N, C-alpha and C. Protein backbone atom coordinates (compact mmCIF):
# COMPACT_ATOMS: atom_id res chain seq x y z
N MET A 1 0.84 -1.19 0.00
CA MET A 1 0.00 0.00 0.00
C MET A 1 0.88 1.25 0.00
N ASP A 2 0.43 2.25 -0.69
CA ASP A 2 1.15 3.53 -0.74
C ASP A 2 0.53 4.47 0.29
N GLY A 3 1.23 4.66 1.39
CA GLY A 3 0.73 5.50 2.48
C GLY A 3 0.57 6.96 2.10
N SER A 4 1.36 7.41 1.12
CA SER A 4 1.23 8.82 0.72
C SER A 4 -0.14 9.10 0.10
N LYS A 5 -0.76 8.06 -0.50
CA LYS A 5 -2.11 8.24 -1.04
C LYS A 5 -3.11 8.46 0.09
N LEU A 6 -2.86 7.80 1.22
CA LEU A 6 -3.73 7.99 2.39
C LEU A 6 -3.62 9.43 2.88
N ARG A 7 -2.39 9.93 2.98
CA ARG A 7 -2.17 11.30 3.44
C ARG A 7 -2.84 12.30 2.49
N LYS A 8 -2.65 12.11 1.18
CA LYS A 8 -3.24 13.02 0.19
C LYS A 8 -4.76 13.01 0.26
N LEU A 9 -5.35 11.82 0.36
CA LEU A 9 -6.80 11.73 0.43
C LEU A 9 -7.34 12.34 1.71
N ARG A 10 -6.67 12.07 2.81
CA ARG A 10 -7.10 12.62 4.11
C ARG A 10 -7.10 14.15 4.04
N LYS A 11 -6.03 14.72 3.49
CA LYS A 11 -5.93 16.18 3.38
C LYS A 11 -6.95 16.73 2.39
N LEU A 12 -7.19 16.00 1.31
CA LEU A 12 -8.17 16.41 0.33
C LEU A 12 -9.56 16.51 0.96
N LYS A 13 -9.82 15.65 1.90
CA LYS A 13 -11.11 15.65 2.61
C LYS A 13 -11.08 16.55 3.85
N ASP A 14 -10.05 17.38 3.96
CA ASP A 14 -9.88 18.32 5.09
C ASP A 14 -10.01 17.61 6.43
N MET A 15 -9.33 16.48 6.55
CA MET A 15 -9.41 15.69 7.77
C MET A 15 -8.02 15.63 8.41
N THR A 16 -7.96 15.88 9.70
CA THR A 16 -6.68 15.78 10.41
C THR A 16 -6.43 14.32 10.76
N ILE A 17 -5.19 14.02 11.11
CA ILE A 17 -4.85 12.66 11.57
C ILE A 17 -5.69 12.31 12.79
N GLU A 18 -5.88 13.29 13.65
CA GLU A 18 -6.65 13.05 14.88
C GLU A 18 -8.10 12.66 14.57
N VAL A 19 -8.71 13.36 13.62
CA VAL A 19 -10.10 13.06 13.26
C VAL A 19 -10.18 11.67 12.62
N LEU A 20 -9.27 11.37 11.70
CA LEU A 20 -9.25 10.05 11.06
C LEU A 20 -9.03 8.95 12.09
N SER A 21 -8.11 9.18 13.01
CA SER A 21 -7.84 8.15 14.02
C SER A 21 -9.05 7.94 14.93
N GLU A 22 -9.70 9.01 15.30
CA GLU A 22 -10.89 8.91 16.16
C GLU A 22 -12.02 8.14 15.46
N LYS A 23 -12.26 8.48 14.19
CA LYS A 23 -13.37 7.84 13.46
C LYS A 23 -13.06 6.39 13.08
N SER A 24 -11.78 6.07 12.90
CA SER A 24 -11.42 4.71 12.50
C SER A 24 -11.08 3.79 13.67
N GLY A 25 -10.81 4.40 14.83
CA GLY A 25 -10.48 3.60 16.00
C GLY A 25 -8.99 3.32 16.16
N PHE A 26 -8.16 3.99 15.40
CA PHE A 26 -6.71 3.80 15.51
C PHE A 26 -6.07 5.03 16.14
N THR A 27 -4.87 4.87 16.64
CA THR A 27 -4.19 6.00 17.26
C THR A 27 -3.63 6.92 16.17
N PRO A 28 -3.44 8.20 16.49
CA PRO A 28 -2.81 9.11 15.52
C PRO A 28 -1.42 8.61 15.11
N SER A 29 -0.70 8.00 16.04
CA SER A 29 0.63 7.46 15.74
C SER A 29 0.54 6.36 14.67
N TYR A 30 -0.45 5.50 14.80
CA TYR A 30 -0.64 4.41 13.83
C TYR A 30 -0.93 4.98 12.44
N ILE A 31 -1.86 5.93 12.36
CA ILE A 31 -2.21 6.55 11.07
C ILE A 31 -0.96 7.22 10.47
N SER A 32 -0.21 7.92 11.28
CA SER A 32 1.00 8.60 10.83
C SER A 32 2.02 7.60 10.26
N GLN A 33 2.17 6.48 10.92
CA GLN A 33 3.12 5.46 10.46
C GLN A 33 2.67 4.83 9.14
N VAL A 34 1.37 4.65 9.00
CA VAL A 34 0.84 4.12 7.72
C VAL A 34 1.10 5.14 6.61
N GLU A 35 0.83 6.40 6.88
CA GLU A 35 1.03 7.45 5.87
C GLU A 35 2.50 7.58 5.46
N ARG A 36 3.40 7.31 6.36
CA ARG A 36 4.84 7.43 6.06
C ARG A 36 5.44 6.11 5.58
N ASN A 37 4.58 5.13 5.33
CA ASN A 37 5.01 3.81 4.85
C ASN A 37 5.96 3.09 5.81
N LEU A 38 5.80 3.37 7.10
CA LEU A 38 6.63 2.69 8.11
C LEU A 38 6.00 1.36 8.50
N ILE A 39 4.67 1.29 8.39
CA ILE A 39 3.98 0.03 8.66
C ILE A 39 2.93 -0.19 7.58
N GLU A 40 2.59 -1.44 7.40
CA GLU A 40 1.57 -1.84 6.43
C GLU A 40 0.32 -2.23 7.22
N PRO A 41 -0.82 -1.59 6.96
CA PRO A 41 -2.02 -1.94 7.72
C PRO A 41 -2.54 -3.33 7.31
N SER A 42 -3.18 -4.00 8.25
CA SER A 42 -3.83 -5.26 7.91
C SER A 42 -5.04 -4.95 7.03
N LEU A 43 -5.59 -5.98 6.40
CA LEU A 43 -6.75 -5.77 5.56
C LEU A 43 -7.92 -5.23 6.38
N THR A 44 -8.08 -5.75 7.59
CA THR A 44 -9.16 -5.28 8.48
C THR A 44 -8.98 -3.80 8.80
N ALA A 45 -7.74 -3.40 9.11
CA ALA A 45 -7.47 -1.99 9.42
C ALA A 45 -7.71 -1.11 8.19
N LEU A 46 -7.27 -1.59 7.04
CA LEU A 46 -7.45 -0.83 5.80
C LEU A 46 -8.93 -0.62 5.51
N ILE A 47 -9.73 -1.64 5.71
CA ILE A 47 -11.17 -1.53 5.47
C ILE A 47 -11.80 -0.50 6.40
N LYS A 48 -11.38 -0.47 7.67
CA LYS A 48 -11.91 0.52 8.61
C LYS A 48 -11.56 1.94 8.17
N ILE A 49 -10.32 2.13 7.76
CA ILE A 49 -9.87 3.45 7.29
C ILE A 49 -10.64 3.85 6.03
N CYS A 50 -10.83 2.89 5.13
CA CYS A 50 -11.55 3.17 3.87
C CYS A 50 -13.00 3.57 4.13
N LYS A 51 -13.63 2.95 5.11
CA LYS A 51 -15.03 3.30 5.42
C LYS A 51 -15.12 4.76 5.86
N VAL A 52 -14.16 5.19 6.66
CA VAL A 52 -14.16 6.58 7.12
C VAL A 52 -13.94 7.54 5.95
N LEU A 53 -13.05 7.16 5.04
CA LEU A 53 -12.72 8.04 3.91
C LEU A 53 -13.65 7.84 2.71
N ASN A 54 -14.55 6.87 2.81
CA ASN A 54 -15.53 6.59 1.77
C ASN A 54 -14.88 6.23 0.42
N VAL A 55 -13.89 5.32 0.48
CA VAL A 55 -13.25 4.80 -0.73
C VAL A 55 -13.11 3.28 -0.58
N ALA A 56 -12.95 2.61 -1.68
CA ALA A 56 -12.72 1.17 -1.67
C ALA A 56 -11.25 0.90 -1.38
N PRO A 57 -10.93 -0.21 -0.75
CA PRO A 57 -9.52 -0.56 -0.48
C PRO A 57 -8.67 -0.56 -1.74
N TYR A 58 -9.30 -0.88 -2.87
CA TYR A 58 -8.60 -0.89 -4.15
C TYR A 58 -7.90 0.44 -4.43
N TYR A 59 -8.49 1.53 -3.97
CA TYR A 59 -7.92 2.86 -4.18
C TYR A 59 -6.47 2.92 -3.70
N PHE A 60 -6.19 2.28 -2.58
CA PHE A 60 -4.83 2.32 -2.01
C PHE A 60 -3.93 1.24 -2.58
N LEU A 61 -4.50 0.22 -3.18
CA LEU A 61 -3.71 -0.89 -3.69
C LEU A 61 -3.40 -0.76 -5.17
N ASP A 62 -4.10 0.13 -5.84
CA ASP A 62 -3.92 0.33 -7.27
C ASP A 62 -2.51 0.80 -7.56
N ASP A 63 -1.98 0.40 -8.71
CA ASP A 63 -0.61 0.78 -9.09
C ASP A 63 -0.51 2.20 -9.63
N ASN A 64 -1.62 2.93 -9.62
CA ASN A 64 -1.64 4.35 -10.00
C ASN A 64 -1.36 4.59 -11.48
N ASN A 65 -1.59 3.58 -12.31
CA ASN A 65 -1.39 3.75 -13.76
C ASN A 65 -2.70 4.00 -14.48
N ASN A 66 -3.60 4.73 -13.86
CA ASN A 66 -4.90 4.98 -14.47
C ASN A 66 -4.93 6.26 -15.27
N VAL A 67 -3.82 6.93 -15.34
CA VAL A 67 -3.71 8.14 -16.15
C VAL A 67 -2.53 7.95 -17.08
N ILE A 68 -2.77 8.13 -18.36
CA ILE A 68 -1.71 7.96 -19.35
C ILE A 68 -1.55 9.29 -20.08
N VAL A 69 -0.38 9.85 -19.99
CA VAL A 69 -0.07 11.11 -20.67
C VAL A 69 0.81 10.78 -21.86
N THR A 70 0.44 11.27 -23.03
CA THR A 70 1.26 11.09 -24.22
C THR A 70 1.75 12.47 -24.64
N ARG A 71 3.03 12.69 -24.48
CA ARG A 71 3.62 13.98 -24.87
C ARG A 71 3.67 14.06 -26.41
N LYS A 72 3.51 15.26 -26.92
CA LYS A 72 3.46 15.47 -28.36
C LYS A 72 4.65 14.82 -29.08
N GLU A 73 5.83 14.99 -28.51
CA GLU A 73 7.02 14.45 -29.16
C GLU A 73 7.15 12.93 -29.03
N GLU A 74 6.31 12.31 -28.19
CA GLU A 74 6.37 10.86 -27.99
C GLU A 74 5.28 10.11 -28.77
N ARG A 75 4.46 10.83 -29.50
CA ARG A 75 3.37 10.18 -30.23
C ARG A 75 3.90 9.22 -31.29
N GLN A 76 3.25 8.09 -31.39
CA GLN A 76 3.61 7.12 -32.41
C GLN A 76 2.97 7.52 -33.73
N ARG A 77 3.67 7.26 -34.81
CA ARG A 77 3.17 7.63 -36.13
C ARG A 77 3.15 6.39 -37.02
N LEU A 78 2.20 6.40 -37.93
CA LEU A 78 2.09 5.31 -38.89
C LEU A 78 1.97 5.92 -40.27
N ILE A 79 2.92 5.59 -41.13
CA ILE A 79 2.88 6.05 -42.52
C ILE A 79 2.09 5.00 -43.31
N ILE A 80 1.07 5.46 -44.05
CA ILE A 80 0.25 4.54 -44.83
C ILE A 80 0.93 4.34 -46.18
N PRO A 81 1.28 3.10 -46.51
CA PRO A 81 1.99 2.82 -47.76
C PRO A 81 1.24 3.34 -48.99
N ASP A 82 2.00 3.75 -49.99
CA ASP A 82 1.50 4.20 -51.29
C ASP A 82 0.66 5.48 -51.24
N SER A 83 0.61 6.16 -50.10
CA SER A 83 -0.21 7.37 -50.08
C SER A 83 0.51 8.55 -49.43
N ASN A 84 1.62 8.31 -48.77
CA ASN A 84 2.34 9.35 -48.05
C ASN A 84 1.51 9.95 -46.92
N GLN A 85 0.39 9.32 -46.59
CA GLN A 85 -0.46 9.78 -45.51
C GLN A 85 0.12 9.25 -44.19
N GLU A 86 -0.13 10.00 -43.14
CA GLU A 86 0.42 9.65 -41.83
C GLU A 86 -0.65 9.77 -40.75
N LEU A 87 -0.75 8.75 -39.91
CA LEU A 87 -1.60 8.80 -38.72
C LEU A 87 -0.72 9.15 -37.54
N GLU A 88 -1.19 10.02 -36.70
CA GLU A 88 -0.46 10.36 -35.48
C GLU A 88 -1.33 9.94 -34.29
N TYR A 89 -0.92 8.89 -33.60
CA TYR A 89 -1.70 8.36 -32.49
C TYR A 89 -1.59 9.28 -31.28
N LEU A 90 -2.75 9.66 -30.74
CA LEU A 90 -2.78 10.58 -29.61
C LEU A 90 -2.75 9.84 -28.28
N VAL A 91 -2.96 8.54 -28.30
CA VAL A 91 -2.80 7.68 -27.12
C VAL A 91 -1.91 6.51 -27.53
N PRO A 92 -1.22 5.90 -26.57
CA PRO A 92 -0.31 4.81 -26.92
C PRO A 92 -1.04 3.62 -27.55
N VAL A 93 -0.38 2.98 -28.50
CA VAL A 93 -0.93 1.79 -29.13
C VAL A 93 0.00 0.59 -28.93
N SER A 94 1.01 0.76 -28.10
CA SER A 94 1.97 -0.31 -27.89
C SER A 94 1.40 -1.42 -27.01
N GLU A 95 2.03 -2.56 -27.05
CA GLU A 95 1.62 -3.73 -26.28
C GLU A 95 1.54 -3.43 -24.79
N GLU A 96 2.41 -2.56 -24.31
CA GLU A 96 2.47 -2.20 -22.90
C GLU A 96 1.13 -1.64 -22.38
N TYR A 97 0.40 -0.95 -23.24
CA TYR A 97 -0.86 -0.31 -22.84
C TYR A 97 -2.10 -1.06 -23.33
N LYS A 98 -1.89 -2.22 -23.90
CA LYS A 98 -2.97 -2.99 -24.53
C LYS A 98 -4.19 -3.17 -23.62
N ASN A 99 -3.99 -3.45 -22.35
CA ASN A 99 -5.10 -3.70 -21.44
C ASN A 99 -5.62 -2.45 -20.75
N LYS A 100 -4.96 -1.33 -20.92
CA LYS A 100 -5.38 -0.07 -20.28
C LYS A 100 -6.20 0.80 -21.23
N VAL A 101 -5.69 0.99 -22.43
CA VAL A 101 -6.30 1.92 -23.38
C VAL A 101 -7.47 1.24 -24.09
N LYS A 102 -8.64 1.83 -23.98
CA LYS A 102 -9.86 1.25 -24.54
C LYS A 102 -10.31 1.93 -25.83
N MET A 103 -9.51 2.87 -26.31
CA MET A 103 -9.84 3.57 -27.54
C MET A 103 -8.57 3.79 -28.35
N CYS A 104 -8.73 3.82 -29.63
CA CYS A 104 -7.65 4.22 -30.53
C CYS A 104 -8.01 5.63 -30.97
N ILE A 105 -7.13 6.58 -30.68
CA ILE A 105 -7.39 7.98 -31.04
C ILE A 105 -6.21 8.48 -31.86
N TYR A 106 -6.52 8.94 -33.06
CA TYR A 106 -5.43 9.43 -33.89
C TYR A 106 -5.84 10.68 -34.67
N LYS A 107 -4.82 11.46 -34.97
CA LYS A 107 -4.98 12.67 -35.78
C LYS A 107 -4.58 12.29 -37.20
N TYR A 108 -5.30 12.84 -38.14
CA TYR A 108 -5.10 12.43 -39.53
C TYR A 108 -5.31 13.63 -40.43
N GLU A 109 -4.51 13.72 -41.47
CA GLU A 109 -4.67 14.77 -42.47
C GLU A 109 -4.99 14.12 -43.80
N LEU A 110 -6.04 14.58 -44.41
CA LEU A 110 -6.44 14.04 -45.71
C LEU A 110 -6.23 15.14 -46.74
N TYR A 111 -5.38 14.86 -47.72
CA TYR A 111 -5.03 15.87 -48.71
C TYR A 111 -6.15 16.09 -49.72
N PRO A 112 -6.16 17.24 -50.38
CA PRO A 112 -7.22 17.57 -51.34
C PRO A 112 -7.41 16.48 -52.39
N GLY A 113 -8.68 16.14 -52.63
CA GLY A 113 -9.01 15.16 -53.66
C GLY A 113 -8.65 13.72 -53.32
N MET A 114 -8.34 13.45 -52.05
CA MET A 114 -7.92 12.09 -51.68
C MET A 114 -8.98 11.37 -50.85
N TRP A 115 -9.00 10.06 -51.03
CA TRP A 115 -9.80 9.16 -50.20
C TRP A 115 -8.91 8.63 -49.08
N ASP A 116 -9.49 8.28 -47.95
CA ASP A 116 -8.70 7.66 -46.89
C ASP A 116 -8.41 6.20 -47.21
N ASN A 117 -9.21 5.63 -48.11
CA ASN A 117 -9.08 4.21 -48.43
C ASN A 117 -9.69 3.98 -49.81
N ASP A 118 -9.12 3.07 -50.57
CA ASP A 118 -9.69 2.74 -51.88
C ASP A 118 -11.00 1.97 -51.73
N ASN A 119 -11.08 1.15 -50.71
CA ASN A 119 -12.26 0.31 -50.46
C ASN A 119 -12.99 0.83 -49.23
N PHE A 120 -14.23 0.36 -49.06
CA PHE A 120 -14.98 0.71 -47.87
C PHE A 120 -14.33 0.08 -46.64
N SER A 121 -14.25 0.85 -45.56
CA SER A 121 -13.78 0.33 -44.29
C SER A 121 -14.96 -0.27 -43.56
N ILE A 122 -14.79 -1.47 -43.06
CA ILE A 122 -15.80 -2.11 -42.23
C ILE A 122 -15.06 -2.59 -40.99
N ILE A 123 -15.29 -1.92 -39.87
CA ILE A 123 -14.58 -2.29 -38.65
C ILE A 123 -15.57 -2.70 -37.57
N ASP A 124 -15.15 -3.62 -36.75
CA ASP A 124 -15.99 -4.14 -35.68
C ASP A 124 -15.86 -3.26 -34.44
N SER A 125 -15.93 -1.95 -34.65
CA SER A 125 -15.82 -0.98 -33.57
C SER A 125 -16.57 0.27 -33.98
N ASP A 126 -17.06 1.01 -33.00
CA ASP A 126 -17.65 2.31 -33.28
C ASP A 126 -16.54 3.30 -33.59
N LYS A 127 -16.87 4.30 -34.39
CA LYS A 127 -15.87 5.28 -34.82
C LYS A 127 -16.49 6.67 -34.77
N CYS A 128 -15.74 7.61 -34.23
CA CYS A 128 -16.17 9.00 -34.19
C CYS A 128 -15.11 9.82 -34.93
N VAL A 129 -15.55 10.67 -35.84
CA VAL A 129 -14.63 11.52 -36.60
C VAL A 129 -14.99 12.97 -36.30
N ILE A 130 -13.98 13.74 -35.91
CA ILE A 130 -14.14 15.15 -35.59
C ILE A 130 -13.32 15.95 -36.61
N ILE A 131 -13.97 16.87 -37.30
CA ILE A 131 -13.28 17.67 -38.31
C ILE A 131 -12.70 18.92 -37.63
N LEU A 132 -11.39 18.99 -37.58
CA LEU A 132 -10.71 20.15 -36.99
C LEU A 132 -10.60 21.29 -37.98
N LYS A 133 -10.35 20.93 -39.25
CA LYS A 133 -10.15 21.94 -40.29
C LYS A 133 -10.54 21.33 -41.62
N GLY A 134 -11.27 22.10 -42.41
CA GLY A 134 -11.61 21.64 -43.75
C GLY A 134 -13.00 21.04 -43.86
N LYS A 135 -13.14 20.15 -44.84
CA LYS A 135 -14.42 19.55 -45.19
C LYS A 135 -14.18 18.09 -45.51
N LEU A 136 -15.24 17.29 -45.35
CA LEU A 136 -15.12 15.85 -45.57
C LEU A 136 -16.42 15.32 -46.13
N ILE A 137 -16.32 14.40 -47.07
CA ILE A 137 -17.49 13.64 -47.50
C ILE A 137 -17.30 12.24 -46.95
N VAL A 138 -18.29 11.78 -46.19
CA VAL A 138 -18.26 10.42 -45.69
C VAL A 138 -19.18 9.63 -46.62
N ASN A 139 -18.56 8.71 -47.34
CA ASN A 139 -19.27 7.93 -48.34
C ASN A 139 -19.71 6.60 -47.73
N PHE A 140 -21.02 6.37 -47.71
CA PHE A 140 -21.58 5.10 -47.27
C PHE A 140 -22.01 4.35 -48.53
N THR A 141 -22.43 3.13 -48.41
CA THR A 141 -22.77 2.35 -49.61
C THR A 141 -23.93 2.93 -50.40
N ASP A 142 -24.85 3.65 -49.73
CA ASP A 142 -26.02 4.15 -50.44
C ASP A 142 -26.24 5.66 -50.36
N TYR A 143 -25.35 6.38 -49.69
CA TYR A 143 -25.48 7.84 -49.63
C TYR A 143 -24.19 8.47 -49.09
N ASN A 144 -24.13 9.81 -49.13
CA ASN A 144 -22.98 10.57 -48.63
C ASN A 144 -23.43 11.53 -47.54
N GLU A 145 -22.54 11.79 -46.60
CA GLU A 145 -22.75 12.83 -45.58
C GLU A 145 -21.65 13.85 -45.78
N ILE A 146 -21.99 15.13 -45.82
CA ILE A 146 -20.99 16.19 -45.92
C ILE A 146 -20.76 16.73 -44.52
N ILE A 147 -19.52 16.71 -44.10
CA ILE A 147 -19.14 17.14 -42.75
C ILE A 147 -18.19 18.33 -42.88
N ASP A 148 -18.52 19.42 -42.19
CA ASP A 148 -17.72 20.64 -42.24
C ASP A 148 -16.88 20.80 -40.98
N GLU A 149 -15.97 21.75 -41.04
CA GLU A 149 -15.11 22.08 -39.90
C GLU A 149 -15.94 22.26 -38.63
N GLY A 150 -15.51 21.58 -37.56
CA GLY A 150 -16.20 21.66 -36.29
C GLY A 150 -17.27 20.60 -36.10
N ASP A 151 -17.65 19.93 -37.20
CA ASP A 151 -18.67 18.88 -37.12
C ASP A 151 -18.07 17.56 -36.64
N THR A 152 -18.96 16.71 -36.18
CA THR A 152 -18.59 15.37 -35.72
C THR A 152 -19.54 14.37 -36.34
N ILE A 153 -19.02 13.21 -36.71
CA ILE A 153 -19.88 12.13 -37.18
C ILE A 153 -19.53 10.88 -36.38
N TYR A 154 -20.56 10.17 -35.96
CA TYR A 154 -20.40 8.92 -35.20
C TYR A 154 -20.90 7.80 -36.09
N ILE A 155 -20.04 6.82 -36.33
CA ILE A 155 -20.37 5.70 -37.21
C ILE A 155 -20.36 4.42 -36.38
N CYS A 156 -21.49 3.75 -36.33
CA CYS A 156 -21.59 2.51 -35.55
C CYS A 156 -20.77 1.40 -36.20
N SER A 157 -20.45 0.39 -35.43
CA SER A 157 -19.61 -0.71 -35.91
C SER A 157 -20.24 -1.40 -37.13
N ASN A 158 -19.38 -1.89 -37.98
CA ASN A 158 -19.73 -2.68 -39.16
C ASN A 158 -20.52 -1.92 -40.23
N VAL A 159 -20.47 -0.60 -40.21
CA VAL A 159 -21.10 0.20 -41.26
C VAL A 159 -20.03 0.54 -42.29
N PRO A 160 -20.17 0.05 -43.52
CA PRO A 160 -19.16 0.34 -44.55
C PRO A 160 -19.10 1.84 -44.86
N HIS A 161 -17.87 2.37 -44.89
CA HIS A 161 -17.70 3.80 -45.15
C HIS A 161 -16.28 4.09 -45.62
N LYS A 162 -16.12 5.24 -46.25
CA LYS A 162 -14.80 5.77 -46.56
C LYS A 162 -14.89 7.29 -46.60
N LEU A 163 -13.75 7.93 -46.41
CA LEU A 163 -13.69 9.39 -46.28
C LEU A 163 -13.03 10.01 -47.50
N PHE A 164 -13.56 11.18 -47.92
CA PHE A 164 -13.02 11.88 -49.08
C PHE A 164 -12.92 13.37 -48.77
N ASN A 165 -11.80 13.96 -49.18
CA ASN A 165 -11.61 15.40 -49.03
C ASN A 165 -11.95 16.06 -50.37
N PRO A 166 -13.12 16.73 -50.46
CA PRO A 166 -13.53 17.34 -51.73
C PRO A 166 -12.96 18.74 -51.96
N SER A 167 -12.25 19.27 -50.98
CA SER A 167 -11.82 20.67 -51.07
C SER A 167 -10.43 20.81 -51.69
N ASP A 168 -9.99 22.05 -51.80
CA ASP A 168 -8.66 22.36 -52.33
C ASP A 168 -7.63 22.49 -51.21
N GLU A 169 -8.07 22.28 -49.97
CA GLU A 169 -7.17 22.40 -48.82
C GLU A 169 -7.14 21.09 -48.05
N LYS A 170 -6.10 20.93 -47.30
CA LYS A 170 -5.94 19.76 -46.46
C LYS A 170 -7.04 19.73 -45.39
N THR A 171 -7.61 18.56 -45.13
CA THR A 171 -8.59 18.38 -44.07
C THR A 171 -7.90 17.72 -42.88
N GLU A 172 -8.05 18.32 -41.71
CA GLU A 172 -7.47 17.75 -40.50
C GLU A 172 -8.60 17.17 -39.66
N LEU A 173 -8.41 15.95 -39.20
CA LEU A 173 -9.45 15.31 -38.41
C LEU A 173 -8.86 14.45 -37.30
N ILE A 174 -9.71 14.17 -36.34
CA ILE A 174 -9.35 13.24 -35.26
C ILE A 174 -10.34 12.09 -35.34
N CYS A 175 -9.82 10.88 -35.30
CA CYS A 175 -10.66 9.69 -35.29
C CYS A 175 -10.53 9.02 -33.92
N ILE A 176 -11.67 8.61 -33.39
CA ILE A 176 -11.71 7.88 -32.13
C ILE A 176 -12.42 6.57 -32.43
N ILE A 177 -11.72 5.47 -32.17
CA ILE A 177 -12.29 4.16 -32.45
C ILE A 177 -12.28 3.36 -31.16
N SER A 178 -13.46 2.81 -30.81
CA SER A 178 -13.52 1.96 -29.63
C SER A 178 -12.75 0.68 -29.91
N THR A 179 -12.21 0.08 -28.87
CA THR A 179 -11.45 -1.14 -29.07
C THR A 179 -12.39 -2.26 -29.47
N VAL A 180 -11.84 -3.19 -30.21
CA VAL A 180 -12.60 -4.34 -30.68
C VAL A 180 -12.84 -5.27 -29.49
N THR A 181 -14.07 -5.69 -29.31
CA THR A 181 -14.39 -6.62 -28.23
C THR A 181 -14.70 -7.98 -28.83
N ASN A 182 -14.06 -8.99 -28.28
CA ASN A 182 -14.29 -10.36 -28.78
C ASN A 182 -14.98 -11.19 -27.74
């Protein structure tokens, strides 16, 4: 257990060691030692402390990897063969984060007069496209949607589609794809 998380949470709740010790039934010395990682509380003691702080014991046992920051210079890039197009992943896609990251989010630029794909994309995931700059035609098998700067389109899984930039300027977009569930 990380005792510093106990100290931070206690202070966040504007609770003194004395108040926490009184409500949990432990001495201030005991709480202080837990916070400084000098002793490890038993599961029973941890549960009592958690009840007072209104959190699950998991909060203190978690490895604290629930926030993933991707710095601009650390973003992974994928060059699409035969098109000179590049995807810039805004969240990690490496094996290390496979079980943490539940979405694929990437920035993409579509050049004037270009399709994102020669064939229709059919993916077993929902997809959201946000137009940052420019214009986009989303081509479905039986109709087209015109999406302008600032617009968003949500495409449910397994709907055949492809993207086209009909303008004379580059279109910048962000795609968010839910992870495939098997």
